Amino acid sequence: MSNPRNSTRARRICWNTHKTVHAGTGEQVMICGSCRQYIHPVRDHWRADHIVRHAEGGLETAENLRPICLSCDAGPDGKAANDTREVAKGRRTAENHVGVREKRGRPMPGTRASGLRKRVDDTVERR
C-alpha cells in the first residue's frame, strides 16, 4: 500500500490548488505551509500534507491539503514524526476510554520476574 500522505492524487490536488507565480523569476511555484519558503515542484522535494491527518479521517480534498517542504516534514522534530506520535497517543486514549488496555499484570510464570523457581525434582520455591 502506498503512503496516503504523499500519493500522486494528493500531490496533484495540492499542486492545482496552491500553485502561484514567483514574482522574481515568473516560474510556477508553491509556498510551504509550514516555513513559508518557495517550493519549486520539480527541483525541490515536497509532500502533500493533510491538515486533518489521514489517520484521523482527513480526506484528500483541496481544503485539507497543503504543500510542505521535505525539511519541514522529515527529521526527529518534523511534522511526520509529530503526527505519528500524536496519532498513537490518540489511539491509546481512545482504547483506554472504551476499556481496552495493554496487559500489565502478572509476569510470565517461570521467569525471574515471577519470583518463583521450579527445581528439577518438580518442587517450587521462592527465589
Foldseek 3Di string as FASTA:
>chain_A
DDDPFADPLLVVLQLVLAWDADPPPRDIWGAAPPPRDTHDPPPFAKGWGFQCDVLNPGDSHSVGTYIHGPVQADDCPHPVVVVVVVSVVVVQVVCVVVPHDDDDDADDPCDVSNQWHADPVRDIDGD
